[in-house]
Amino acid sequence: MHQLSASDQEILKHKKKQLLYTKGEDLFKQGAFATYVMYVQSGLVKVYLQTSPNKRVNIRIASSGDFLAFSSVFGEEIYTYSAVALKDAEICMIDKGGLKQLLYSNNEFAMRITSGNYKNESHLFHIISAISHKQMRGKLATALLYLSDPEFLTEGIFHHLTRQDIAEFATITTESAIRFLKEFEKEDIVKLNGKEIQITNQLLLDDIAKRG
């Protein structure tokens, strides 16, 4: 695992196992018993909420170095969201007790986890704000800016996302996402090439996202 000392590695040596999840395979489902904390060694994982039988809200993308289901370390007994591999992903499944021991013994590691959780919490506030206050164009602009993070682009993120996936990040319908993407292309804000989306005018996209 990244950024762990030899002693930290020893703590987790017998408390973790590594699995390969193929593209489209579920890591875990919302409401299932939270057996492990999961650490993304490589790949991309889509994290989402199933808000109704036929409706999802995509929360975030987890990539190398991210933890999933971390709240289970502190007593959360079920997975509060679902996770699925967007591309082949190496996942380290860690015993909750072992990880808790590591947090107590390694302050630097604990602070890094706290920082990561703050980043995720901040992103959730942006999602809530978008759902509550923004029009559909603003929602889609916000989602595109998030998905165009350099770390995700390096992984070829849009190649692994359908238009429905993008719509579920923006909390709009797939039809609306397709329509507004075409509008953005006509306005020279993005360039579309099959599944790929390239932002060509980030300042204008930022403005649309801020104005909502």
N, C-alpha and C. Protein backbone atom coordinates (compact mmCIF):
# COMPACT_ATOMS: atom_id res chain seq x y z
N MET A 1 0.84 -1.20 0.00
CA MET A 1 0.00 0.00 0.00
C MET A 1 0.87 1.24 0.00
N HIS A 2 0.36 2.34 -0.53
CA HIS A 2 1.12 3.56 -0.70
C HIS A 2 1.39 4.25 0.64
N GLN A 3 2.58 4.84 0.75
CA GLN A 3 2.95 5.73 1.85
C GLN A 3 2.84 5.06 3.22
N LEU A 4 3.14 3.81 3.31
CA LEU A 4 3.15 3.11 4.59
C LEU A 4 4.56 2.62 4.87
N SER A 5 4.96 2.75 6.14
CA SER A 5 6.27 2.28 6.55
C SER A 5 6.28 0.76 6.62
N ALA A 6 7.48 0.20 6.81
CA ALA A 6 7.61 -1.26 6.92
C ALA A 6 6.81 -1.79 8.11
N SER A 7 6.83 -1.04 9.22
CA SER A 7 6.09 -1.48 10.41
C SER A 7 4.59 -1.44 10.16
N ASP A 8 4.14 -0.43 9.41
CA ASP A 8 2.71 -0.34 9.08
C ASP A 8 2.30 -1.49 8.17
N GLN A 9 3.17 -1.79 7.20
CA GLN A 9 2.91 -2.92 6.32
C GLN A 9 2.80 -4.21 7.12
N GLU A 10 3.63 -4.33 8.15
CA GLU A 10 3.62 -5.54 8.97
C GLU A 10 2.31 -5.67 9.73
N ILE A 11 1.76 -4.52 10.20
CA ILE A 11 0.48 -4.54 10.92
C ILE A 11 -0.62 -5.13 10.04
N LEU A 12 -0.58 -4.77 8.75
CA LEU A 12 -1.65 -5.18 7.84
C LEU A 12 -1.35 -6.47 7.08
N LYS A 13 -0.15 -7.02 7.31
CA LYS A 13 0.33 -8.16 6.51
C LYS A 13 -0.67 -9.30 6.46
N HIS A 14 -1.24 -9.63 7.60
CA HIS A 14 -2.15 -10.77 7.65
C HIS A 14 -3.61 -10.31 7.76
N LYS A 15 -3.85 -9.03 7.49
CA LYS A 15 -5.20 -8.48 7.65
C LYS A 15 -5.75 -7.92 6.35
N LYS A 16 -5.17 -8.32 5.22
CA LYS A 16 -5.65 -7.82 3.94
C LYS A 16 -5.46 -8.89 2.86
N LYS A 17 -6.25 -8.76 1.83
CA LYS A 17 -6.06 -9.61 0.65
C LYS A 17 -6.38 -8.77 -0.59
N GLN A 18 -5.74 -9.11 -1.67
CA GLN A 18 -5.86 -8.32 -2.89
C GLN A 18 -6.62 -9.09 -3.95
N LEU A 19 -7.56 -8.40 -4.59
CA LEU A 19 -8.38 -9.01 -5.64
C LEU A 19 -8.38 -8.12 -6.87
N LEU A 20 -8.60 -8.72 -8.02
CA LEU A 20 -8.76 -7.98 -9.27
C LEU A 20 -10.23 -8.01 -9.66
N TYR A 21 -10.81 -6.82 -9.79
CA TYR A 21 -12.19 -6.68 -10.26
C TYR A 21 -12.16 -6.24 -11.72
N THR A 22 -12.91 -6.91 -12.55
CA THR A 22 -12.95 -6.56 -13.96
C THR A 22 -13.99 -5.46 -14.21
N LYS A 23 -13.85 -4.79 -15.33
CA LYS A 23 -14.75 -3.70 -15.68
C LYS A 23 -16.21 -4.14 -15.58
N GLY A 24 -17.02 -3.36 -14.88
CA GLY A 24 -18.43 -3.65 -14.72
C GLY A 24 -18.77 -4.52 -13.52
N GLU A 25 -17.77 -5.01 -12.82
CA GLU A 25 -18.01 -5.90 -11.68
C GLU A 25 -18.26 -5.08 -10.42
N ASP A 26 -19.27 -5.49 -9.64
CA ASP A 26 -19.59 -4.81 -8.39
C ASP A 26 -18.55 -5.13 -7.32
N LEU A 27 -18.06 -4.09 -6.64
CA LEU A 27 -17.20 -4.30 -5.47
C LEU A 27 -18.06 -4.61 -4.26
N PHE A 28 -19.13 -3.83 -4.11
CA PHE A 28 -20.11 -4.08 -3.06
C PHE A 28 -21.38 -3.31 -3.39
N LYS A 29 -22.48 -3.69 -2.73
CA LYS A 29 -23.77 -3.09 -3.00
C LYS A 29 -24.28 -2.37 -1.75
N GLN A 30 -24.95 -1.29 -1.98
CA GLN A 30 -25.58 -0.50 -0.93
C GLN A 30 -26.52 -1.38 -0.10
N GLY A 31 -26.35 -1.32 1.23
CA GLY A 31 -27.21 -2.08 2.13
C GLY A 31 -26.65 -3.43 2.53
N ALA A 32 -25.59 -3.90 1.86
CA ALA A 32 -24.96 -5.17 2.23
C ALA A 32 -24.09 -4.99 3.47
N PHE A 33 -23.82 -6.08 4.17
CA PHE A 33 -22.99 -6.02 5.36
C PHE A 33 -21.57 -5.60 4.99
N ALA A 34 -21.05 -4.61 5.70
CA ALA A 34 -19.73 -4.06 5.40
C ALA A 34 -18.64 -4.92 6.04
N THR A 35 -18.13 -5.86 5.29
CA THR A 35 -17.14 -6.80 5.80
C THR A 35 -15.74 -6.21 5.83
N TYR A 36 -15.39 -5.46 4.80
CA TYR A 36 -14.04 -4.92 4.66
C TYR A 36 -14.06 -3.44 4.31
N VAL A 37 -12.93 -2.79 4.59
CA VAL A 37 -12.62 -1.51 3.96
C VAL A 37 -11.84 -1.84 2.69
N MET A 38 -12.06 -1.10 1.64
CA MET A 38 -11.38 -1.38 0.38
C MET A 38 -10.48 -0.22 -0.02
N TYR A 39 -9.31 -0.57 -0.53
CA TYR A 39 -8.31 0.40 -0.95
C TYR A 39 -8.02 0.17 -2.43
N VAL A 40 -8.11 1.23 -3.21
CA VAL A 40 -7.90 1.12 -4.66
C VAL A 40 -6.40 1.20 -4.96
N GLN A 41 -5.85 0.08 -5.37
CA GLN A 41 -4.44 0.05 -5.77
C GLN A 41 -4.26 0.64 -7.16
N SER A 42 -5.16 0.29 -8.08
CA SER A 42 -5.11 0.82 -9.44
C SER A 42 -6.50 0.69 -10.05
N GLY A 43 -6.73 1.46 -11.13
CA GLY A 43 -8.02 1.41 -11.80
C GLY A 43 -8.94 2.55 -11.41
N LEU A 44 -10.18 2.44 -11.84
CA LEU A 44 -11.20 3.44 -11.54
C LEU A 44 -12.45 2.75 -11.02
N VAL A 45 -13.06 3.35 -10.00
CA VAL A 45 -14.27 2.79 -9.39
C VAL A 45 -15.33 3.88 -9.32
N LYS A 46 -16.53 3.57 -9.79
CA LYS A 46 -17.65 4.50 -9.69
C LYS A 46 -18.41 4.24 -8.41
N VAL A 47 -18.64 5.30 -7.64
CA VAL A 47 -19.37 5.21 -6.37
C VAL A 47 -20.73 5.89 -6.57
N TYR A 48 -21.80 5.19 -6.21
CA TYR A 48 -23.13 5.77 -6.46
C TYR A 48 -24.12 5.38 -5.38
N LEU A 49 -25.20 6.18 -5.31
CA LEU A 49 -26.34 5.90 -4.44
C LEU A 49 -27.50 5.40 -5.29
N GLN A 50 -28.14 4.35 -4.85
CA GLN A 50 -29.36 3.88 -5.50
C GLN A 50 -30.51 4.54 -4.76
N THR A 51 -31.06 5.62 -5.33
CA THR A 51 -32.08 6.40 -4.63
C THR A 51 -33.49 5.85 -4.81
N SER A 52 -33.68 5.03 -5.84
CA SER A 52 -34.95 4.34 -6.07
C SER A 52 -34.63 3.15 -6.97
N PRO A 53 -35.59 2.24 -7.18
CA PRO A 53 -35.28 1.06 -8.00
C PRO A 53 -34.71 1.40 -9.38
N ASN A 54 -35.11 2.53 -9.95
CA ASN A 54 -34.68 2.87 -11.31
C ASN A 54 -33.87 4.16 -11.38
N LYS A 55 -33.37 4.63 -10.25
CA LYS A 55 -32.65 5.90 -10.26
C LYS A 55 -31.39 5.83 -9.42
N ARG A 56 -30.29 6.33 -10.00
CA ARG A 56 -29.01 6.39 -9.30
C ARG A 56 -28.50 7.83 -9.31
N VAL A 57 -27.71 8.13 -8.29
CA VAL A 57 -26.94 9.37 -8.26
C VAL A 57 -25.48 8.98 -8.11
N ASN A 58 -24.67 9.30 -9.11
CA ASN A 58 -23.24 9.01 -9.02
C ASN A 58 -22.58 10.04 -8.10
N ILE A 59 -21.85 9.54 -7.12
CA ILE A 59 -21.26 10.42 -6.11
C ILE A 59 -19.86 10.87 -6.49
N ARG A 60 -19.03 9.90 -6.85
CA ARG A 60 -17.64 10.26 -7.15
C ARG A 60 -16.96 9.12 -7.88
N ILE A 61 -15.75 9.41 -8.35
CA ILE A 61 -14.87 8.40 -8.91
C ILE A 61 -13.75 8.14 -7.91
N ALA A 62 -13.51 6.91 -7.59
CA ALA A 62 -12.37 6.54 -6.73
C ALA A 62 -11.26 6.01 -7.62
N SER A 63 -10.04 6.46 -7.36
CA SER A 63 -8.90 6.04 -8.16
C SER A 63 -7.77 5.60 -7.23
N SER A 64 -6.62 5.35 -7.80
CA SER A 64 -5.49 4.83 -7.03
C SER A 64 -5.22 5.66 -5.78
N GLY A 65 -5.15 4.98 -4.62
CA GLY A 65 -4.87 5.64 -3.36
C GLY A 65 -6.10 5.97 -2.54
N ASP A 66 -7.30 5.73 -3.08
CA ASP A 66 -8.54 6.04 -2.38
C ASP A 66 -9.05 4.84 -1.59
N PHE A 67 -9.70 5.16 -0.46
CA PHE A 67 -10.37 4.15 0.35
C PHE A 67 -11.86 4.17 0.07
N LEU A 68 -12.50 3.02 0.19
CA LEU A 68 -13.95 2.90 0.08
C LEU A 68 -14.49 2.24 1.34
N ALA A 69 -15.68 2.67 1.74
CA ALA A 69 -16.35 2.13 2.94
C ALA A 69 -15.52 2.37 4.20
N PHE A 70 -14.85 3.50 4.25
CA PHE A 70 -13.98 3.78 5.40
C PHE A 70 -14.78 3.95 6.69
N SER A 71 -16.03 4.40 6.60
CA SER A 71 -16.84 4.63 7.80
C SER A 71 -17.10 3.34 8.57
N SER A 72 -16.93 2.19 7.92
CA SER A 72 -17.16 0.91 8.60
C SER A 72 -16.13 0.68 9.70
N VAL A 73 -14.97 1.36 9.61
CA VAL A 73 -13.95 1.25 10.67
C VAL A 73 -14.51 1.74 11.99
N PHE A 74 -15.44 2.70 11.92
CA PHE A 74 -15.96 3.34 13.13
C PHE A 74 -17.39 2.91 13.45
N GLY A 75 -17.76 1.74 12.98
CA GLY A 75 -19.01 1.16 13.45
C GLY A 75 -20.14 1.09 12.43
N GLU A 76 -19.96 1.65 11.24
CA GLU A 76 -21.01 1.54 10.22
C GLU A 76 -21.08 0.09 9.76
N GLU A 77 -22.22 -0.55 9.98
CA GLU A 77 -22.31 -2.00 9.75
C GLU A 77 -22.68 -2.37 8.32
N ILE A 78 -23.23 -1.44 7.55
CA ILE A 78 -23.60 -1.75 6.18
C ILE A 78 -22.95 -0.74 5.23
N TYR A 79 -22.84 -1.14 3.98
CA TYR A 79 -22.34 -0.21 2.97
C TYR A 79 -23.44 0.80 2.67
N THR A 80 -23.11 2.08 2.77
CA THR A 80 -24.11 3.13 2.58
C THR A 80 -24.22 3.58 1.13
N TYR A 81 -23.41 3.00 0.27
CA TYR A 81 -23.46 3.28 -1.16
C TYR A 81 -22.94 2.05 -1.90
N SER A 82 -23.01 2.08 -3.21
CA SER A 82 -22.52 0.97 -4.03
C SER A 82 -21.26 1.40 -4.78
N ALA A 83 -20.48 0.42 -5.20
CA ALA A 83 -19.25 0.69 -5.95
C ALA A 83 -19.09 -0.35 -7.04
N VAL A 84 -18.73 0.12 -8.24
CA VAL A 84 -18.56 -0.77 -9.39
C VAL A 84 -17.29 -0.35 -10.13
N ALA A 85 -16.55 -1.32 -10.65
CA ALA A 85 -15.32 -1.04 -11.38
C ALA A 85 -15.65 -0.46 -12.76
N LEU A 86 -15.10 0.73 -13.05
CA LEU A 86 -15.27 1.34 -14.36
C LEU A 86 -14.28 0.74 -15.36
N LYS A 87 -13.15 0.29 -14.86
CA LYS A 87 -12.15 -0.42 -15.64
C LYS A 87 -11.54 -1.45 -14.71
N ASP A 88 -10.76 -2.36 -15.22
CA ASP A 88 -10.14 -3.35 -14.36
C ASP A 88 -9.43 -2.66 -13.20
N ALA A 89 -9.67 -3.14 -11.99
CA ALA A 89 -9.15 -2.47 -10.80
C ALA A 89 -8.56 -3.47 -9.82
N GLU A 90 -7.40 -3.15 -9.31
CA GLU A 90 -6.79 -3.94 -8.23
C GLU A 90 -7.25 -3.35 -6.91
N ILE A 91 -7.90 -4.16 -6.11
CA ILE A 91 -8.48 -3.70 -4.86
C ILE A 91 -7.90 -4.48 -3.69
N CYS A 92 -7.46 -3.75 -2.69
CA CYS A 92 -6.96 -4.36 -1.46
C CYS A 92 -8.08 -4.34 -0.43
N MET A 93 -8.49 -5.50 0.03
CA MET A 93 -9.55 -5.63 1.03
C MET A 93 -8.90 -5.74 2.40
N ILE A 94 -9.20 -4.78 3.26
CA ILE A 94 -8.49 -4.66 4.53
C ILE A 94 -9.44 -4.92 5.71
N ASP A 95 -8.98 -5.73 6.63
CA ASP A 95 -9.72 -5.99 7.86
C ASP A 95 -9.89 -4.68 8.63
N LYS A 96 -11.11 -4.42 9.09
CA LYS A 96 -11.40 -3.14 9.76
C LYS A 96 -10.59 -2.96 11.03
N GLY A 97 -10.40 -4.03 11.78
CA GLY A 97 -9.64 -3.94 13.02
C GLY A 97 -8.19 -3.59 12.78
N GLY A 98 -7.61 -4.19 11.73
CA GLY A 98 -6.22 -3.92 11.40
C GLY A 98 -6.02 -2.48 10.98
N LEU A 99 -6.96 -1.95 10.20
CA LEU A 99 -6.84 -0.57 9.75
C LEU A 99 -7.02 0.41 10.91
N LYS A 100 -7.91 0.08 11.82
CA LYS A 100 -8.11 0.93 12.99
C LYS A 100 -6.85 0.97 13.84
N GLN A 101 -6.19 -0.16 13.99
CA GLN A 101 -4.93 -0.21 14.73
C GLN A 101 -3.88 0.67 14.06
N LEU A 102 -3.85 0.64 12.73
CA LEU A 102 -2.89 1.45 11.99
C LEU A 102 -3.16 2.93 12.18
N LEU A 103 -4.43 3.33 12.19
CA LEU A 103 -4.77 4.73 12.40
C LEU A 103 -4.30 5.23 13.76
N TYR A 104 -4.42 4.37 14.79
CA TYR A 104 -3.98 4.75 16.12
C TYR A 104 -2.45 4.87 16.21
N SER A 105 -1.75 4.07 15.43
CA SER A 105 -0.30 4.01 15.58
C SER A 105 0.46 4.94 14.63
N ASN A 106 -0.20 5.44 13.59
CA ASN A 106 0.48 6.24 12.58
C ASN A 106 -0.27 7.55 12.37
N ASN A 107 0.20 8.61 13.03
CA ASN A 107 -0.47 9.90 12.96
C ASN A 107 -0.46 10.49 11.55
N GLU A 108 0.65 10.32 10.86
CA GLU A 108 0.76 10.87 9.51
C GLU A 108 -0.25 10.21 8.57
N PHE A 109 -0.38 8.89 8.71
CA PHE A 109 -1.35 8.17 7.90
C PHE A 109 -2.77 8.62 8.25
N ALA A 110 -3.06 8.78 9.54
CA ALA A 110 -4.39 9.20 9.97
C ALA A 110 -4.73 10.58 9.41
N MET A 111 -3.75 11.50 9.40
CA MET A 111 -3.99 12.84 8.86
C MET A 111 -4.24 12.79 7.36
N ARG A 112 -3.54 11.91 6.65
CA ARG A 112 -3.76 11.79 5.20
C ARG A 112 -5.17 11.29 4.92
N ILE A 113 -5.62 10.35 5.74
CA ILE A 113 -6.98 9.84 5.58
C ILE A 113 -8.00 10.94 5.87
N THR A 114 -7.74 11.71 6.93
CA THR A 114 -8.64 12.81 7.29
C THR A 114 -8.73 13.82 6.15
N SER A 115 -7.58 14.12 5.54
CA SER A 115 -7.56 15.06 4.42
C SER A 115 -8.37 14.53 3.24
N GLY A 116 -8.22 13.24 2.96
CA GLY A 116 -8.98 12.64 1.87
C GLY A 116 -10.47 12.66 2.13
N ASN A 117 -10.85 12.39 3.38
CA ASN A 117 -12.27 12.41 3.74
C ASN A 117 -12.85 13.82 3.64
N TYR A 118 -12.02 14.83 3.98
CA TYR A 118 -12.48 16.21 3.85
C TYR A 118 -12.74 16.55 2.39
N LYS A 119 -11.86 16.10 1.50
CA LYS A 119 -12.03 16.34 0.07
C LYS A 119 -13.33 15.71 -0.42
N ASN A 120 -13.60 14.48 0.01
CA ASN A 120 -14.83 13.81 -0.40
C ASN A 120 -16.06 14.51 0.16
N GLU A 121 -15.97 14.98 1.40
CA GLU A 121 -17.08 15.69 2.03
C GLU A 121 -17.37 16.99 1.28
N SER A 122 -16.32 17.69 0.90
CA SER A 122 -16.48 18.93 0.15
C SER A 122 -17.17 18.67 -1.18
N HIS A 123 -16.79 17.58 -1.83
CA HIS A 123 -17.43 17.23 -3.10
C HIS A 123 -18.91 16.91 -2.90
N LEU A 124 -19.25 16.25 -1.80
CA LEU A 124 -20.66 15.95 -1.53
C LEU A 124 -21.47 17.22 -1.35
N PHE A 125 -20.88 18.24 -0.71
CA PHE A 125 -21.57 19.53 -0.56
C PHE A 125 -21.84 20.16 -1.92
N HIS A 126 -20.89 20.01 -2.86
CA HIS A 126 -21.09 20.53 -4.20
C HIS A 126 -22.25 19.80 -4.90
N ILE A 127 -22.34 18.48 -4.68
CA ILE A 127 -23.44 17.72 -5.27
C ILE A 127 -24.77 18.19 -4.72
N ILE A 128 -24.84 18.36 -3.40
CA ILE A 128 -26.09 18.81 -2.76
C ILE A 128 -26.48 20.18 -3.28
N SER A 129 -25.50 21.08 -3.39
CA SER A 129 -25.76 22.42 -3.90
C SER A 129 -26.28 22.38 -5.33
N ALA A 130 -25.67 21.53 -6.15
CA ALA A 130 -26.09 21.42 -7.55
C ALA A 130 -27.51 20.90 -7.66
N ILE A 131 -27.83 19.87 -6.88
CA ILE A 131 -29.18 19.28 -6.91
C ILE A 131 -30.21 20.30 -6.46
N SER A 132 -29.86 21.09 -5.44
CA SER A 132 -30.82 22.00 -4.81
C SER A 132 -31.04 23.28 -5.60
N HIS A 133 -29.98 23.82 -6.23
CA HIS A 133 -30.05 25.19 -6.73
C HIS A 133 -29.80 25.37 -8.22
N LYS A 134 -29.14 24.43 -8.87
CA LYS A 134 -28.71 24.69 -10.24
C LYS A 134 -29.70 24.18 -11.28
N GLN A 135 -29.71 24.89 -12.42
CA GLN A 135 -30.46 24.42 -13.57
C GLN A 135 -29.65 23.30 -14.24
N MET A 136 -30.26 22.66 -15.23
CA MET A 136 -29.64 21.48 -15.81
C MET A 136 -28.30 21.78 -16.48
N ARG A 137 -28.18 22.92 -17.17
CA ARG A 137 -26.91 23.26 -17.80
C ARG A 137 -25.81 23.42 -16.74
N GLY A 138 -26.17 24.07 -15.63
CA GLY A 138 -25.21 24.25 -14.55
C GLY A 138 -24.80 22.93 -13.92
N LYS A 139 -25.77 22.02 -13.78
CA LYS A 139 -25.47 20.70 -13.22
C LYS A 139 -24.50 19.93 -14.11
N LEU A 140 -24.77 19.97 -15.42
CA LEU A 140 -23.91 19.23 -16.35
C LEU A 140 -22.52 19.86 -16.39
N ALA A 141 -22.44 21.18 -16.38
CA ALA A 141 -21.13 21.85 -16.37
C ALA A 141 -20.34 21.46 -15.14
N THR A 142 -20.99 21.40 -13.99
CA THR A 142 -20.33 21.02 -12.74
C THR A 142 -19.80 19.59 -12.83
N ALA A 143 -20.61 18.69 -13.38
CA ALA A 143 -20.19 17.29 -13.51
C ALA A 143 -19.01 17.16 -14.46
N LEU A 144 -19.03 17.87 -15.58
CA LEU A 144 -17.94 17.80 -16.55
C LEU A 144 -16.63 18.32 -15.96
N LEU A 145 -16.72 19.38 -15.18
CA LEU A 145 -15.51 19.92 -14.55
C LEU A 145 -14.93 18.91 -13.57
N TYR A 146 -15.80 18.25 -12.81
CA TYR A 146 -15.32 17.23 -11.87
C TYR A 146 -14.66 16.07 -12.61
N LEU A 147 -15.31 15.59 -13.66
CA LEU A 147 -14.81 14.43 -14.38
C LEU A 147 -13.55 14.75 -15.19
N SER A 148 -13.29 16.02 -15.42
CA SER A 148 -12.12 16.42 -16.20
C SER A 148 -10.90 16.70 -15.32
N ASP A 149 -10.95 16.27 -14.09
CA ASP A 149 -9.77 16.35 -13.24
C ASP A 149 -8.61 15.64 -13.94
N PRO A 150 -7.42 16.25 -13.94
CA PRO A 150 -6.28 15.64 -14.65
C PRO A 150 -6.02 14.18 -14.27
N GLU A 151 -6.23 13.85 -13.00
CA GLU A 151 -6.01 12.47 -12.57
C GLU A 151 -6.95 11.51 -13.30
N PHE A 152 -8.21 11.92 -13.49
CA PHE A 152 -9.17 11.06 -14.19
C PHE A 152 -8.88 11.01 -15.69
N LEU A 153 -8.49 12.16 -16.25
CA LEU A 153 -8.20 12.20 -17.68
C LEU A 153 -7.03 11.29 -18.03
N THR A 154 -6.05 11.22 -17.13
CA THR A 154 -4.92 10.33 -17.33
C THR A 154 -5.36 8.88 -17.46
N GLU A 155 -6.45 8.55 -16.77
CA GLU A 155 -7.00 7.19 -16.81
C GLU A 155 -7.98 7.00 -17.97
N GLY A 156 -8.15 8.04 -18.81
CA GLY A 156 -9.09 7.94 -19.93
C GLY A 156 -10.52 7.82 -19.47
N ILE A 157 -10.92 8.67 -18.52
CA ILE A 157 -12.20 8.52 -17.82
C ILE A 157 -13.40 8.46 -18.76
N PHE A 158 -13.46 9.34 -19.77
CA PHE A 158 -14.67 9.39 -20.59
C PHE A 158 -14.83 8.15 -21.47
N HIS A 159 -13.74 7.48 -21.75
CA HIS A 159 -13.82 6.23 -22.50
C HIS A 159 -14.60 5.17 -21.72
N HIS A 160 -14.61 5.30 -20.40
CA HIS A 160 -15.24 4.29 -19.54
C HIS A 160 -16.63 4.71 -19.07
N LEU A 161 -17.09 5.90 -19.48
CA LEU A 161 -18.38 6.39 -19.04
C LEU A 161 -19.38 6.43 -20.19
N THR A 162 -20.61 6.01 -19.93
CA THR A 162 -21.69 6.18 -20.89
C THR A 162 -22.30 7.56 -20.68
N ARG A 163 -23.14 7.96 -21.61
CA ARG A 163 -23.86 9.23 -21.44
C ARG A 163 -24.79 9.15 -20.22
N GLN A 164 -25.30 7.95 -19.96
CA GLN A 164 -26.13 7.79 -18.76
C GLN A 164 -25.31 8.01 -17.50
N ASP A 165 -24.08 7.50 -17.48
CA ASP A 165 -23.21 7.73 -16.33
C ASP A 165 -23.02 9.22 -16.09
N ILE A 166 -22.74 9.95 -17.17
CA ILE A 166 -22.52 11.39 -17.04
C ILE A 166 -23.78 12.08 -16.54
N ALA A 167 -24.92 11.66 -17.06
CA ALA A 167 -26.20 12.22 -16.61
C ALA A 167 -26.41 11.96 -15.12
N GLU A 168 -26.02 10.78 -14.65
CA GLU A 168 -26.20 10.45 -13.23
C GLU A 168 -25.22 11.20 -12.34
N PHE A 169 -24.09 11.65 -12.88
CA PHE A 169 -23.22 12.55 -12.14
C PHE A 169 -23.83 13.94 -12.06
N ALA A 170 -24.57 14.32 -13.09
CA ALA A 170 -25.17 15.65 -13.14
C ALA A 170 -26.57 15.67 -12.53
N THR A 171 -27.10 14.51 -12.17
CA THR A 171 -28.47 14.36 -11.66
C THR A 171 -29.50 14.95 -12.62
N ILE A 172 -29.34 14.63 -13.91
CA ILE A 172 -30.30 15.00 -14.93
C ILE A 172 -30.58 13.75 -15.76
N THR A 173 -31.55 13.84 -16.66
CA THR A 173 -31.87 12.68 -17.49
C THR A 173 -30.80 12.49 -18.57
N THR A 174 -30.71 11.28 -19.07
CA THR A 174 -29.75 10.99 -20.14
C THR A 174 -30.05 11.84 -21.37
N GLU A 175 -31.34 11.99 -21.70
CA GLU A 175 -31.72 12.78 -22.86
C GLU A 175 -31.27 14.23 -22.71
N SER A 176 -31.41 14.78 -21.50
CA SER A 176 -30.99 16.16 -21.25
C SER A 176 -29.48 16.29 -21.35
N ALA A 177 -28.76 15.30 -20.84
CA ALA A 177 -27.29 15.34 -20.91
C ALA A 177 -26.83 15.36 -22.36
N ILE A 178 -27.42 14.52 -23.19
CA ILE A 178 -27.06 14.46 -24.61
C ILE A 178 -27.36 15.81 -25.29
N ARG A 179 -28.54 16.36 -24.99
CA ARG A 179 -28.93 17.63 -25.61
C ARG A 179 -28.00 18.77 -25.23
N PHE A 180 -27.68 18.86 -23.94
CA PHE A 180 -26.83 19.98 -23.50
C PHE A 180 -25.38 19.78 -23.92
N LEU A 181 -24.92 18.55 -24.03
CA LEU A 181 -23.58 18.32 -24.56
C LEU A 181 -23.48 18.83 -26.00
N LYS A 182 -24.52 18.58 -26.79
CA LYS A 182 -24.53 19.09 -28.16
C LYS A 182 -24.56 20.61 -28.18
N GLU A 183 -25.32 21.21 -27.24
CA GLU A 183 -25.34 22.67 -27.14
C GLU A 183 -23.95 23.21 -26.78
N PHE A 184 -23.31 22.56 -25.81
CA PHE A 184 -21.96 22.98 -25.42
C PHE A 184 -20.99 22.88 -26.60
N GLU A 185 -21.17 21.85 -27.42
CA GLU A 185 -20.28 21.69 -28.57
C GLU A 185 -20.52 22.82 -29.58
N LYS A 186 -21.79 23.17 -29.83
CA LYS A 186 -22.10 24.25 -30.76
C LYS A 186 -21.56 25.59 -30.25
N GLU A 187 -21.48 25.73 -28.93
CA GLU A 187 -20.98 26.96 -28.34
C GLU A 187 -19.46 26.94 -28.16
N ASP A 188 -18.81 25.91 -28.71
CA ASP A 188 -17.34 25.75 -28.63
C ASP A 188 -16.84 25.67 -27.18
N ILE A 189 -17.65 25.06 -26.32
CA ILE A 189 -17.25 24.85 -24.93
C ILE A 189 -16.59 23.49 -24.77
N VAL A 190 -17.09 22.52 -25.51
CA VAL A 190 -16.51 21.17 -25.49
C VAL A 190 -16.38 20.67 -26.92
N LYS A 191 -15.56 19.64 -27.07
CA LYS A 191 -15.43 18.93 -28.35
C LYS A 191 -15.79 17.48 -28.10
N LEU A 192 -16.71 16.95 -28.89
CA LEU A 192 -17.18 15.58 -28.74
C LEU A 192 -16.59 14.72 -29.85
N ASN A 193 -16.10 13.55 -29.47
CA ASN A 193 -15.56 12.60 -30.43
C ASN A 193 -15.88 11.20 -29.93
N GLY A 194 -17.05 10.67 -30.36
CA GLY A 194 -17.50 9.40 -29.81
C GLY A 194 -17.82 9.58 -28.33
N LYS A 195 -17.22 8.74 -27.49
CA LYS A 195 -17.44 8.84 -26.06
C LYS A 195 -16.58 9.93 -25.42
N GLU A 196 -15.53 10.34 -26.11
CA GLU A 196 -14.60 11.31 -25.54
C GLU A 196 -15.20 12.71 -25.49
N ILE A 197 -14.91 13.42 -24.41
CA ILE A 197 -15.34 14.81 -24.24
C ILE A 197 -14.12 15.63 -23.84
N GLN A 198 -13.82 16.63 -24.64
CA GLN A 198 -12.69 17.50 -24.35
C GLN A 198 -13.20 18.91 -24.09
N ILE A 199 -12.85 19.47 -22.94
CA ILE A 199 -13.24 20.83 -22.62
C ILE A 199 -12.33 21.79 -23.39
N THR A 200 -12.94 22.64 -24.21
CA THR A 200 -12.16 23.59 -25.01
C THR A 200 -12.27 25.02 -24.51
N ASN A 201 -13.22 25.29 -23.64
CA ASN A 201 -13.36 26.62 -23.05
C ASN A 201 -13.74 26.46 -21.58
N GLN A 202 -12.73 26.24 -20.76
CA GLN A 202 -12.99 25.97 -19.34
C GLN A 202 -13.53 27.19 -18.61
N LEU A 203 -13.10 28.39 -19.02
CA LEU A 203 -13.58 29.60 -18.36
C LEU A 203 -15.09 29.74 -18.51
N LEU A 204 -15.59 29.48 -19.71
CA LEU A 204 -17.03 29.57 -19.94
C LEU A 204 -17.76 28.46 -19.21
N LEU A 205 -17.18 27.26 -19.19
CA LEU A 205 -17.81 26.14 -18.48
C LEU A 205 -17.84 26.44 -16.98
N ASP A 206 -16.76 27.00 -16.45
CA ASP A 206 -16.74 27.42 -15.05
C ASP A 206 -17.84 28.42 -14.75
N ASP A 207 -18.04 29.35 -15.67
CA ASP A 207 -19.06 30.38 -15.48
C ASP A 207 -20.45 29.78 -15.46
N ILE A 208 -20.71 28.84 -16.36
CA ILE A 208 -22.01 28.17 -16.39
C ILE A 208 -22.23 27.40 -15.10
N ALA A 209 -21.19 26.72 -14.63
CA ALA A 209 -21.30 25.96 -13.37
C ALA A 209 -21.57 26.87 -12.19
N LYS A 210 -20.92 28.02 -12.14
CA LYS A 210 -21.09 28.94 -11.01
C LYS A 210 -22.47 29.62 -11.04
N ARG A 211 -22.91 30.01 -12.25
CA ARG A 211 -24.20 30.68 -12.37
C ARG A 211 -25.35 29.70 -12.18
N GLY A 212 -25.06 28.41 -12.46
CA GLY A 212 -26.09 27.39 -12.27
C GLY A 212 -27.15 27.42 -13.34
